[in-house]
Amino acid sequence: MRTDLAGISLKNPLIAASGTFGFGQEFGEYFDPGILGAIATKGLTLEPRMGNRGRRIHETPAGMMNSIGLQNPSVAVFIAEELPRMRSYGTEIIANVGGAGIEDYEEAIELLEATDISIIELNISCPNVKEGGMAFGIRCSSARRIVRAIRRCCTKKLMVKLSPNAENIVDMAYTCAEEGADALSLVNTFNALAIDIENRRPVFNNVTAGLSGPAIKPIALRMVYEVAKAVDLPVVGIGGISNWKDAVEYIMAGATAVQVGTANFVDPLTMPKIIEGMQLYMKREGIQNLSEIRGIIGGNHG
């Protein structure tokens, strides 16, 4: 199960997705977070954010919509208060970083440079903030500017999180690779709409919100497959992974590792169950290493 992600060794390919695992403390009541390959932090910004007003979570058929708005205590508070506890888990920590503008990202990265965190996940794909966020992840030209700027100031492994709402996700992947990304994670949530017919208004104050969960898996899986074939970078697959079979599908599509998000809300033991299921599958199939099946349906880039 040991997995190499852009030169960083993970004990397995299971990563807790940003914004669905907090900083790990709450899930520690259910299982040891140290069994995971890595934990991606909540989206961190230079200044603290209270998040969006109004409703933040809405259940949909086979999925969930969220409009959290990057609520977080700030990078500085994370480093001072949350990071020491997260280190005690004994697994890799991935710092997910967001911002309203390039300068915000740069200053946040500068603070994280002084820590021993190995991987930065550059969030250019959040649909739930009015500025920055997904605005950088829709067009290649804006993505190029921010990845180039961050690459200049970031000495850590740089993983760029891509939006399924991009004009062309393969072109976006090429662009990030050209500007020095070490890895790509995809996909973030799909921009979606829910309407409260009783009150005759959108469910969310921001009108649209991010859709995740099993409903998006076939589309996300297709995008991971296309990107893994197109670029010679490790790809972390995200989108609707609820069980070990889903995780294996992503690996076979070319993903080096996977992130689990929405399923953690349904069953907080989802990730331990996925790890166990994958181990049993590998034993049953005589698979010594996941590299034997990675990209088996077309292209091995991990």
C-alpha atoms as a PDB file:
ATOM      1  CA  MET A   1       0.000   0.000   0.000  1.00  0.00           C
ATOM      2  CA  ARG A   2       3.013   2.314   0.403  1.00  0.00           C
ATOM      3  CA  THR A   3       2.748   5.078  -2.161  1.00  0.00           C
ATOM      4  CA  ASP A   4       5.210   7.628  -3.521  1.00  0.00           C
ATOM      5  CA  LEU A   5       3.532  10.999  -4.073  1.00  0.00           C
ATOM      6  CA  ALA A   6       5.955  13.331  -5.872  1.00  0.00           C
ATOM      7  CA  GLY A   7       8.843  11.964  -3.826  1.00  0.00           C
ATOM      8  CA  ILE A   8       6.966  11.938  -0.520  1.00  0.00           C
ATOM      9  CA  SER A   9       6.406   8.460   0.893  1.00  0.00           C
ATOM     10  CA  LEU A  10       2.863   7.765   2.134  1.00  0.00           C
ATOM     11  CA  LYS A  11       2.045   4.625   4.131  1.00  0.00           C
ATOM     12  CA  ASN A  12      -0.999   4.151   1.881  1.00  0.00           C
ATOM     13  CA  PRO A  13      -2.820   6.151  -0.834  1.00  0.00           C
ATOM     14  CA  LEU A  14      -5.705   7.306   1.397  1.00  0.00           C
ATOM     15  CA  ILE A  15      -5.812  11.058   2.055  1.00  0.00           C
ATOM     16  CA  ALA A  16      -8.474  12.879   4.042  1.00  0.00           C
ATOM     17  CA  ALA A  17      -9.826  15.563   1.711  1.00  0.00           C
ATOM     18  CA  SER A  18      -9.553  19.220   2.656  1.00  0.00           C
ATOM     19  CA  GLY A  19     -12.572  20.641   4.449  1.00  0.00           C
ATOM     20  CA  THR A  20     -14.061  17.267   5.332  1.00  0.00           C
ATOM     21  CA  PHE A  21     -11.741  16.202   8.140  1.00  0.00           C
ATOM     22  CA  GLY A  22     -11.124  19.442  10.028  1.00  0.00           C
ATOM     23  CA  PHE A  23      -7.647  19.172  11.501  1.00  0.00           C
ATOM     24  CA  GLY A  24      -8.274  15.553  12.483  1.00  0.00           C
ATOM     25  CA  GLN A  25      -9.204  16.021  16.111  1.00  0.00           C
ATOM     26  CA  GLU A  26     -12.905  15.144  15.807  1.00  0.00           C
ATOM     27  CA  PHE A  27     -12.201  11.953  13.859  1.00  0.00           C
ATOM     28  CA  GLY A  28      -9.722  10.864  16.527  1.00  0.00           C
ATOM     29  CA  GLU A  29     -12.777   9.795  18.532  1.00  0.00           C
ATOM     30  CA  TYR A  30     -13.490   7.138  15.881  1.00  0.00           C
ATOM     31  CA  PHE A  31     -10.069   5.939  14.694  1.00  0.00           C
ATOM     32  CA  ASP A  32      -6.382   6.780  14.791  1.00  0.00           C
ATOM     33  CA  PRO A  33      -5.774   9.371  12.032  1.00  0.00           C
ATOM     34  CA  GLY A  34      -2.214   8.063  11.896  1.00  0.00           C
ATOM     35  CA  ILE A  35      -3.382   5.086   9.804  1.00  0.00           C
ATOM     36  CA  LEU A  36      -4.034   7.424   6.860  1.00  0.00           C
ATOM     37  CA  GLY A  37      -1.519   8.145   4.138  1.00  0.00           C
ATOM     38  CA  ALA A  38      -2.010  11.872   4.694  1.00  0.00           C
ATOM     39  CA  ILE A  39      -4.427  14.515   5.930  1.00  0.00           C
ATOM     40  CA  ALA A  40      -5.227  17.603   3.887  1.00  0.00           C
ATOM     41  CA  THR A  41      -6.014  20.516   6.179  1.00  0.00           C
ATOM     42  CA  LYS A  42      -9.046  22.741   5.957  1.00  0.00           C
ATOM     43  CA  GLY A  43      -8.499  25.444   3.372  1.00  0.00           C
ATOM     44  CA  LEU A  44      -6.113  27.915   4.997  1.00  0.00           C
ATOM     45  CA  THR A  45      -6.039  31.634   4.214  1.00  0.00           C
ATOM     46  CA  LEU A  46      -3.758  34.451   5.291  1.00  0.00           C
ATOM     47  CA  GLU A  47      -6.477  36.074   7.406  1.00  0.00           C
ATOM     48  CA  PRO A  48      -9.087  34.216   9.476  1.00  0.00           C
ATOM     49  CA  ARG A  49     -12.423  33.672   7.757  1.00  0.00           C
ATOM     50  CA  MET A  50     -15.809  33.194   9.360  1.00  0.00           C
ATOM     51  CA  GLY A  51     -17.153  31.532   6.229  1.00  0.00           C
ATOM     52  CA  ASN A  52     -20.402  32.089   4.395  1.00  0.00           C
ATOM     53  CA  ARG A  53     -23.644  33.173   6.031  1.00  0.00           C
ATOM     54  CA  GLY A  54     -26.833  31.141   5.864  1.00  0.00           C
ATOM     55  CA  ARG A  55     -27.162  27.461   5.148  1.00  0.00           C
ATOM     56  CA  ARG A  56     -23.878  25.686   4.477  1.00  0.00           C
ATOM     57  CA  ILE A  57     -24.813  22.047   3.839  1.00  0.00           C
ATOM     58  CA  HIS A  58     -27.634  20.619   1.728  1.00  0.00           C
ATOM     59  CA  GLU A  59     -28.207  16.946   0.992  1.00  0.00           C
ATOM     60  CA  THR A  60     -28.947  15.942  -2.610  1.00  0.00           C
ATOM     61  CA  PRO A  61     -29.731  12.594  -4.229  1.00  0.00           C
ATOM     62  CA  ALA A  62     -26.476  10.589  -4.017  1.00  0.00           C
ATOM     63  CA  GLY A  63     -24.553  13.654  -2.944  1.00  0.00           C
ATOM     64  CA  MET A  64     -24.139  16.807  -0.908  1.00  0.00           C
ATOM     65  CA  MET A  65     -23.876  20.510  -1.623  1.00  0.00           C
ATOM     66  CA  ASN A  66     -21.765  22.778   0.549  1.00  0.00           C
ATOM     67  CA  SER A  67     -21.120  26.487   0.803  1.00  0.00           C
ATOM     68  CA  ILE A  68     -18.672  26.776   3.691  1.00  0.00           C
ATOM     69  CA  GLY A  69     -16.642  29.686   2.327  1.00  0.00           C
ATOM     70  CA  LEU A  70     -13.197  28.593   3.550  1.00  0.00           C
ATOM     71  CA  GLN A  71     -13.943  29.111   7.241  1.00  0.00           C
ATOM     72  CA  ASN A  72     -10.594  28.758   9.004  1.00  0.00           C
ATOM     73  CA  PRO A  73      -8.549  30.344  11.817  1.00  0.00           C
ATOM     74  CA  SER A  74      -5.770  31.638   9.465  1.00  0.00           C
ATOM     75  CA  VAL A  75      -2.430  30.128   8.501  1.00  0.00           C
ATOM     76  CA  ALA A  76      -0.656  31.677  11.494  1.00  0.00           C
ATOM     77  CA  VAL A  77      -3.116  30.256  14.034  1.00  0.00           C
ATOM     78  CA  PHE A  78      -2.996  26.880  12.283  1.00  0.00           C
ATOM     79  CA  ILE A  79       0.799  26.797  12.570  1.00  0.00           C
ATOM     80  CA  ALA A  80       0.760  27.831  16.236  1.00  0.00           C
ATOM     81  CA  GLU A  81      -2.184  25.798  17.519  1.00  0.00           C
ATOM     82  CA  GLU A  82      -3.276  23.029  15.144  1.00  0.00           C
ATOM     83  CA  LEU A  83      -0.066  21.859  13.490  1.00  0.00           C
ATOM     84  CA  PRO A  84       1.634  20.590  16.709  1.00  0.00           C
ATOM     85  CA  ARG A  85      -1.339  18.308  17.403  1.00  0.00           C
ATOM     86  CA  MET A  86      -1.526  17.135  13.797  1.00  0.00           C
ATOM     87  CA  ARG A  87       2.162  16.212  13.874  1.00  0.00           C
ATOM     88  CA  SER A  88       1.419  13.825  16.749  1.00  0.00           C
ATOM     89  CA  TYR A  89      -0.676  11.671  14.400  1.00  0.00           C
ATOM     90  CA  GLY A  90       2.439  10.430  12.673  1.00  0.00           C
ATOM     91  CA  THR A  91       1.215  10.871   9.109  1.00  0.00           C
ATOM     92  CA  GLU A  92       1.899  13.345   6.299  1.00  0.00           C
ATOM     93  CA  ILE A  93       0.176  16.715   6.528  1.00  0.00           C
ATOM     94  CA  ILE A  94      -0.865  18.497   3.348  1.00  0.00           C
ATOM     95  CA  ALA A  95      -1.536  22.214   3.795  1.00  0.00           C
ATOM     96  CA  ASN A  96      -4.426  23.311   1.593  1.00  0.00           C
ATOM     97  CA  VAL A  97      -4.018  27.017   0.832  1.00  0.00           C
ATOM     98  CA  GLY A  98      -6.574  29.464  -0.572  1.00  0.00           C
ATOM     99  CA  GLY A  99      -6.717  33.214  -1.016  1.00  0.00           C
ATOM    100  CA  ALA A 100      -8.445  36.217  -2.513  1.00  0.00           C
ATOM    101  CA  GLY A 101      -5.472  37.274  -4.626  1.00  0.00           C
ATOM    102  CA  ILE A 102      -1.986  36.138  -5.585  1.00  0.00           C
ATOM    103  CA  GLU A 103      -0.390  38.229  -2.824  1.00  0.00           C
ATOM    104  CA  ASP A 104      -2.530  36.489  -0.194  1.00  0.00           C
ATOM    105  CA  TYR A 105      -1.398  33.093  -1.456  1.00  0.00           C
ATOM    106  CA  GLU A 106       2.240  34.183  -1.505  1.00  0.00           C
ATOM    107  CA  GLU A 107       2.185  35.474   2.078  1.00  0.00           C
ATOM    108  CA  ALA A 108       0.437  32.331   3.313  1.00  0.00           C
ATOM    109  CA  ILE A 109       3.004  30.136   1.570  1.00  0.00           C
ATOM    110  CA  GLU A 110       5.817  32.215   3.082  1.00  0.00           C
ATOM    111  CA  LEU A 111       4.532  31.380   6.588  1.00  0.00           C
ATOM    112  CA  LEU A 112       4.230  27.679   5.748  1.00  0.00           C
ATOM    113  CA  GLU A 113       7.762  27.628   4.338  1.00  0.00           C
ATOM    114  CA  ALA A 114       9.051  27.877   7.911  1.00  0.00           C
ATOM    115  CA  THR A 115       7.288  24.609   8.893  1.00  0.00           C
ATOM    116  CA  ASP A 116       8.174  20.976   8.215  1.00  0.00           C
ATOM    117  CA  ILE A 117       5.052  20.370   6.129  1.00  0.00           C
ATOM    118  CA  SER A 118       6.127  18.607   2.935  1.00  0.00           C
ATOM    119  CA  ILE A 119       3.230  19.275   0.547  1.00  0.00           C
ATOM    120  CA  ILE A 120       1.198  22.374  -0.284  1.00  0.00           C
ATOM    121  CA  GLU A 121      -2.161  21.832  -1.989  1.00  0.00           C
ATOM    122  CA  LEU A 122      -2.848  25.020  -3.908  1.00  0.00           C
ATOM    123  CA  ASN A 123      -6.599  25.531  -3.962  1.00  0.00           C
ATOM    124  CA  ILE A 124      -7.472  27.429  -7.129  1.00  0.00           C
ATOM    125  CA  SER A 125     -10.835  25.708  -7.451  1.00  0.00           C
ATOM    126  CA  CYS A 126     -13.151  26.552  -4.538  1.00  0.00           C
ATOM    127  CA  PRO A 127     -16.568  27.604  -5.876  1.00  0.00           C
ATOM    128  CA  ASN A 128     -17.797  29.025  -2.570  1.00  0.00           C
ATOM    129  CA  VAL A 129     -15.866  32.270  -2.248  1.00  0.00           C
ATOM    130  CA  LYS A 130     -16.727  35.461  -4.077  1.00  0.00           C
ATOM    131  CA  GLU A 131     -13.164  36.298  -5.064  1.00  0.00           C
ATOM    132  CA  GLY A 132     -10.050  34.245  -5.721  1.00  0.00           C
ATOM    133  CA  GLY A 133     -10.698  30.537  -5.304  1.00  0.00           C
ATOM    134  CA  MET A 134     -12.304  29.114  -8.413  1.00  0.00           C
ATOM    135  CA  ALA A 135     -11.660  32.323 -10.356  1.00  0.00           C
ATOM    136  CA  PHE A 136      -8.049  31.154 -10.748  1.00  0.00           C
ATOM    137  CA  GLY A 137      -9.041  27.642 -11.773  1.00  0.00           C
ATOM    138  CA  ILE A 138     -11.415  28.273 -14.677  1.00  0.00           C
ATOM    139  CA  ARG A 139      -9.066  29.716 -17.299  1.00  0.00           C
ATOM    140  CA  CYS A 140      -5.548  28.573 -18.078  1.00  0.00           C
ATOM    141  CA  SER A 141      -4.217  32.132 -18.269  1.00  0.00           C
ATOM    142  CA  SER A 142      -5.147  32.960 -14.658  1.00  0.00           C
ATOM    143  CA  ALA A 143      -4.022  29.545 -13.413  1.00  0.00           C
ATOM    144  CA  ARG A 144      -0.683  30.051 -15.117  1.00  0.00           C
ATOM    145  CA  ARG A 145      -0.142  33.358 -13.313  1.00  0.00           C
ATOM    146  CA  ILE A 146      -0.808  32.009  -9.845  1.00  0.00           C
ATOM    147  CA  VAL A 147       1.038  28.689 -10.198  1.00  0.00           C
ATOM    148  CA  ARG A 148       4.060  30.522 -11.631  1.00  0.00           C
ATOM    149  CA  ALA A 149       4.014  33.021  -8.755  1.00  0.00           C
ATOM    150  CA  ILE A 150       3.670  30.361  -6.077  1.00  0.00           C
ATOM    151  CA  ARG A 151       6.310  28.127  -7.632  1.00  0.00           C
ATOM    152  CA  ARG A 152       8.801  30.976  -7.245  1.00  0.00           C
ATOM    153  CA  CYS A 153       8.265  31.219  -3.481  1.00  0.00           C
ATOM    154  CA  CYS A 154       7.421  27.613  -2.616  1.00  0.00           C
ATOM    155  CA  THR A 155      10.261  25.163  -2.040  1.00  0.00           C
ATOM    156  CA  LYS A 156       7.907  22.408  -0.877  1.00  0.00           C
ATOM    157  CA  LYS A 157       6.113  19.936  -3.101  1.00  0.00           C
ATOM    158  CA  LEU A 158       3.353  21.842  -4.886  1.00  0.00           C
ATOM    159  CA  MET A 159       0.103  20.044  -5.663  1.00  0.00           C
ATOM    160  CA  VAL A 160      -2.494  22.080  -7.541  1.00  0.00           C
ATOM    161  CA  LYS A 161      -6.169  21.287  -6.918  1.00  0.00           C
ATOM    162  CA  LEU A 162      -8.152  21.525 -10.141  1.00  0.00           C
ATOM    163  CA  SER A 163     -11.768  22.509 -10.686  1.00  0.00           C
ATOM    164  CA  PRO A 164     -14.107  20.363 -12.795  1.00  0.00           C
ATOM    165  CA  ASN A 165     -15.622  23.695 -13.836  1.00  0.00           C
ATOM    166  CA  ALA A 166     -12.473  24.591 -15.791  1.00  0.00           C
ATOM    167  CA  GLU A 167     -12.915  25.406 -19.465  1.00  0.00           C
ATOM    168  CA  ASN A 168     -10.755  22.397 -20.342  1.00  0.00           C
ATOM    169  CA  ILE A 169      -9.361  20.329 -17.503  1.00  0.00           C
ATOM    170  CA  VAL A 170      -6.658  18.635 -19.597  1.00  0.00           C
ATOM    171  CA  ASP A 171      -5.393  22.012 -20.838  1.00  0.00           C
ATOM    172  CA  MET A 172      -5.491  23.207 -17.223  1.00  0.00           C
ATOM    173  CA  ALA A 173      -3.389  20.221 -16.167  1.00  0.00           C
ATOM    174  CA  TYR A 174      -0.851  20.940 -18.927  1.00  0.00           C
ATOM    175  CA  THR A 175      -0.651  24.565 -17.821  1.00  0.00           C
ATOM    176  CA  CYS A 176       0.011  23.691 -14.164  1.00  0.00           C
ATOM    177  CA  ALA A 177       2.609  21.112 -15.204  1.00  0.00           C
ATOM    178  CA  GLU A 178       4.390  23.663 -17.398  1.00  0.00           C
ATOM    179  CA  GLU A 179       4.548  26.120 -14.508  1.00  0.00           C
ATOM    180  CA  GLY A 180       6.219  23.643 -12.174  1.00  0.00           C
ATOM    181  CA  ALA A 181       3.487  21.776 -10.266  1.00  0.00           C
ATOM    182  CA  ASP A 182       4.799  18.575  -8.688  1.00  0.00           C
ATOM    183  CA  ALA A 183       1.363  16.917  -8.577  1.00  0.00           C
ATOM    184  CA  LEU A 184      -2.294  17.563  -9.354  1.00  0.00           C
ATOM    185  CA  SER A 185      -5.404  16.790  -7.307  1.00  0.00           C
ATOM    186  CA  LEU A 186      -8.818  16.617  -8.938  1.00  0.00           C
ATOM    187  CA  VAL A 187     -11.618  17.242  -8.854  1.00  0.00           C
ATOM    188  CA  ASN A 188     -12.964  19.874  -6.502  1.00  0.00           C
ATOM    189  CA  THR A 189     -16.733  20.281  -6.283  1.00  0.00           C
ATOM    190  CA  PHE A 190     -19.039  20.975  -9.229  1.00  0.00           C
ATOM    191  CA  ASN A 191     -20.801  24.340  -9.249  1.00  0.00           C
ATOM    192  CA  ALA A 192     -24.473  23.531  -8.652  1.00  0.00           C
ATOM    193  CA  LEU A 193     -27.834  25.014  -7.680  1.00  0.00           C
ATOM    194  CA  ALA A 194     -30.607  24.059  -5.241  1.00  0.00           C
ATOM    195  CA  ILE A 195     -33.905  25.942  -4.839  1.00  0.00           C
ATOM    196  CA  ASP A 196     -36.184  26.180  -1.810  1.00  0.00           C
ATOM    197  CA  ILE A 197     -39.600  26.112  -3.513  1.00  0.00           C
ATOM    198  CA  GLU A 198     -41.521  26.932  -0.316  1.00  0.00           C
ATOM    199  CA  ASN A 199     -39.641  30.190   0.162  1.00  0.00           C
ATOM    200  CA  ARG A 200     -39.063  30.669  -3.568  1.00  0.00           C
ATOM    201  CA  ARG A 201     -35.380  31.356  -3.221  1.00  0.00           C
ATOM    202  CA  PRO A 202     -32.041  29.565  -3.585  1.00  0.00           C
ATOM    203  CA  VAL A 203     -31.131  27.271  -0.680  1.00  0.00           C
ATOM    204  CA  PHE A 204     -27.752  29.010  -0.358  1.00  0.00           C
ATOM    205  CA  ASN A 205     -27.111  32.708   0.175  1.00  0.00           C
ATOM    206  CA  ASN A 206     -24.439  32.579  -2.535  1.00  0.00           C
ATOM    207  CA  VAL A 207     -27.073  31.077  -4.878  1.00  0.00           C
ATOM    208  CA  THR A 208     -24.795  28.321  -6.186  1.00  0.00           C
ATOM    209  CA  ALA A 209     -22.683  25.902  -4.150  1.00  0.00           C
ATOM    210  CA  GLY A 210     -20.320  22.964  -4.546  1.00  0.00           C
ATOM    211  CA  LEU A 211     -21.704  19.496  -5.338  1.00  0.00           C
ATOM    212  CA  SER A 212     -19.813  16.429  -4.140  1.00  0.00           C
ATOM    213  CA  GLY A 213     -20.504  12.786  -3.314  1.00  0.00           C
ATOM    214  CA  PRO A 214     -21.248   9.589  -5.287  1.00  0.00           C
ATOM    215  CA  ALA A 215     -23.285  11.515  -7.885  1.00  0.00           C
ATOM    216  CA  ILE A 216     -20.124  13.108  -9.307  1.00  0.00           C
ATOM    217  CA  LYS A 217     -17.899  10.007  -9.261  1.00  0.00           C
ATOM    218  CA  PRO A 218     -18.272   8.838 -12.886  1.00  0.00           C
ATOM    219  CA  ILE A 219     -17.502  12.329 -14.211  1.00  0.00           C
ATOM    220  CA  ALA A 220     -14.628  12.917 -11.787  1.00  0.00           C
ATOM    221  CA  LEU A 221     -13.209   9.480 -12.607  1.00  0.00           C
ATOM    222  CA  ARG A 222     -13.280  10.297 -16.313  1.00  0.00           C
ATOM    223  CA  MET A 223     -11.439  13.564 -15.693  1.00  0.00           C
ATOM    224  CA  VAL A 224      -8.775  11.838 -13.577  1.00  0.00           C
ATOM    225  CA  TYR A 225      -8.318   9.268 -16.337  1.00  0.00           C
ATOM    226  CA  GLU A 226      -7.904  11.966 -18.999  1.00  0.00           C
ATOM    227  CA  VAL A 227      -5.469  14.029 -16.934  1.00  0.00           C
ATOM    228  CA  ALA A 228      -3.395  11.022 -15.825  1.00  0.00           C
ATOM    229  CA  LYS A 229      -2.962  10.040 -19.470  1.00  0.00           C
ATOM    230  CA  ALA A 230      -2.089  13.574 -20.548  1.00  0.00           C
ATOM    231  CA  VAL A 231       0.545  14.720 -18.045  1.00  0.00           C
ATOM    232  CA  ASP A 232       3.566  13.038 -16.546  1.00  0.00           C
ATOM    233  CA  LEU A 233       2.725  14.065 -12.981  1.00  0.00           C
ATOM    234  CA  PRO A 234       1.244  12.182 -10.036  1.00  0.00           C
ATOM    235  CA  VAL A 235      -2.512  12.662  -9.930  1.00  0.00           C
ATOM    236  CA  VAL A 236      -4.589  12.458  -6.747  1.00  0.00           C
ATOM    237  CA  GLY A 237      -8.143  11.396  -7.540  1.00  0.00           C
ATOM    238  CA  ILE A 238     -11.079  13.013  -5.737  1.00  0.00           C
ATOM    239  CA  GLY A 239     -14.810  12.684  -6.213  1.00  0.00           C
ATOM    240  CA  GLY A 240     -17.440  10.410  -4.737  1.00  0.00           C
ATOM    241  CA  ILE A 241     -15.141   7.771  -3.256  1.00  0.00           C
ATOM    242  CA  SER A 242     -17.279   5.883  -0.730  1.00  0.00           C
ATOM    243  CA  ASN A 243     -15.711   2.409  -0.556  1.00  0.00           C
ATOM    244  CA  TRP A 244     -12.596   0.463  -1.459  1.00  0.00           C
ATOM    245  CA  LYS A 245     -13.882  -0.432  -4.933  1.00  0.00           C
ATOM    246  CA  ASP A 246     -14.213   3.266  -5.766  1.00  0.00           C
ATOM    247  CA  ALA A 247     -10.631   3.849  -4.614  1.00  0.00           C
ATOM    248  CA  VAL A 248      -9.335   0.961  -6.744  1.00  0.00           C
ATOM    249  CA  GLU A 249     -11.172   2.377  -9.780  1.00  0.00           C
ATOM    250  CA  TYR A 250      -9.325   5.672  -9.374  1.00  0.00           C
ATOM    251  CA  ILE A 251      -5.983   3.875  -9.073  1.00  0.00           C
ATOM    252  CA  MET A 252      -6.759   1.875 -12.225  1.00  0.00           C
ATOM    253  CA  ALA A 253      -7.674   5.136 -13.983  1.00  0.00           C
ATOM    254  CA  GLY A 254      -4.160   6.417 -13.232  1.00  0.00           C
ATOM    255  CA  ALA A 255      -4.388   8.062  -9.800  1.00  0.00           C
ATOM    256  CA  THR A 256      -1.347   7.792  -7.564  1.00  0.00           C
ATOM    257  CA  ALA A 257      -3.451   8.419  -4.446  1.00  0.00           C
ATOM    258  CA  VAL A 258      -7.043   9.315  -3.590  1.00  0.00           C
ATOM    259  CA  GLN A 259      -8.826  11.761  -1.320  1.00  0.00           C
ATOM    260  CA  VAL A 260     -12.023  10.903   0.535  1.00  0.00           C
ATOM    261  CA  GLY A 261     -14.375  13.725   1.491  1.00  0.00           C
ATOM    262  CA  THR A 262     -18.178  13.579   1.563  1.00  0.00           C
ATOM    263  CA  ALA A 263     -18.243   9.913   2.614  1.00  0.00           C
ATOM    264  CA  ASN A 264     -16.588  10.909   5.905  1.00  0.00           C
ATOM    265  CA  PHE A 265     -19.812  12.688   6.877  1.00  0.00           C
ATOM    266  CA  VAL A 266     -21.925   9.627   6.085  1.00  0.00           C
ATOM    267  CA  ASP A 267     -19.694   7.214   8.001  1.00  0.00           C
ATOM    268  CA  PRO A 268     -16.669   8.522   9.936  1.00  0.00           C
ATOM    269  CA  LEU A 269     -15.081   5.073   9.596  1.00  0.00           C
ATOM    270  CA  THR A 270     -15.159   5.170   5.788  1.00  0.00           C
ATOM    271  CA  MET A 271     -11.403   5.569   5.326  1.00  0.00           C
ATOM    272  CA  PRO A 272     -10.325   2.776   7.696  1.00  0.00           C
ATOM    273  CA  LYS A 273     -12.809   0.514   5.891  1.00  0.00           C
ATOM    274  CA  ILE A 274     -11.362   1.524   2.513  1.00  0.00           C
ATOM    275  CA  ILE A 275      -7.813   0.751   3.676  1.00  0.00           C
ATOM    276  CA  GLU A 276      -8.873  -2.672   4.961  1.00  0.00           C
ATOM    277  CA  GLY A 277     -10.858  -3.425   1.813  1.00  0.00           C
ATOM    278  CA  MET A 278      -7.965  -2.515  -0.471  1.00  0.00           C
ATOM    279  CA  GLN A 279      -5.569  -4.657   1.549  1.00  0.00           C
ATOM    280  CA  LEU A 280      -7.907  -7.666   1.288  1.00  0.00           C
ATOM    281  CA  TYR A 281      -8.367  -7.063  -2.438  1.00  0.00           C
ATOM    282  CA  MET A 282      -4.619  -6.904  -3.036  1.00  0.00           C
ATOM    283  CA  LYS A 283      -4.065 -10.075  -1.046  1.00  0.00           C
ATOM    284  CA  ARG A 284      -6.845 -11.898  -2.888  1.00  0.00           C
ATOM    285  CA  GLU A 285      -5.551 -10.778  -6.299  1.00  0.00           C
ATOM    286  CA  GLY A 286      -1.878 -11.361  -5.481  1.00  0.00           C
ATOM    287  CA  ILE A 287      -1.015  -7.681  -5.978  1.00  0.00           C
ATOM    288  CA  GLN A 288       2.285  -6.842  -4.290  1.00  0.00           C
ATOM    289  CA  ASN A 289       2.199  -3.117  -4.984  1.00  0.00           C
ATOM    290  CA  LEU A 290      -0.451  -0.726  -6.280  1.00  0.00           C
ATOM    291  CA  SER A 291       1.876   0.222  -9.130  1.00  0.00           C
ATOM    292  CA  GLU A 292       0.876  -3.106 -10.711  1.00  0.00           C
ATOM    293  CA  ILE A 293      -2.649  -1.844 -11.357  1.00  0.00           C
ATOM    294  CA  ARG A 294      -2.104   1.918 -11.503  1.00  0.00           C
ATOM    295  CA  GLY A 295      -3.215   3.315 -14.850  1.00  0.00           C
ATOM    296  CA  ILE A 296      -3.967  -0.201 -16.080  1.00  0.00           C
ATOM    297  CA  ILE A 297      -6.815   0.995 -18.271  1.00  0.00           C
ATOM    298  CA  GLY A 298      -4.568   3.419 -20.120  1.00  0.00           C
ATOM    299  CA  GLY A 299      -1.363   5.165 -19.103  1.00  0.00           C
ATOM    300  CA  ASN A 300       0.688   4.838 -15.930  1.00  0.00           C
ATOM    301  CA  HIS A 301       1.712   8.230 -14.528  1.00  0.00           C
ATOM    302  CA  GLY A 302       2.516   7.763 -10.892  1.00  0.00           C
END
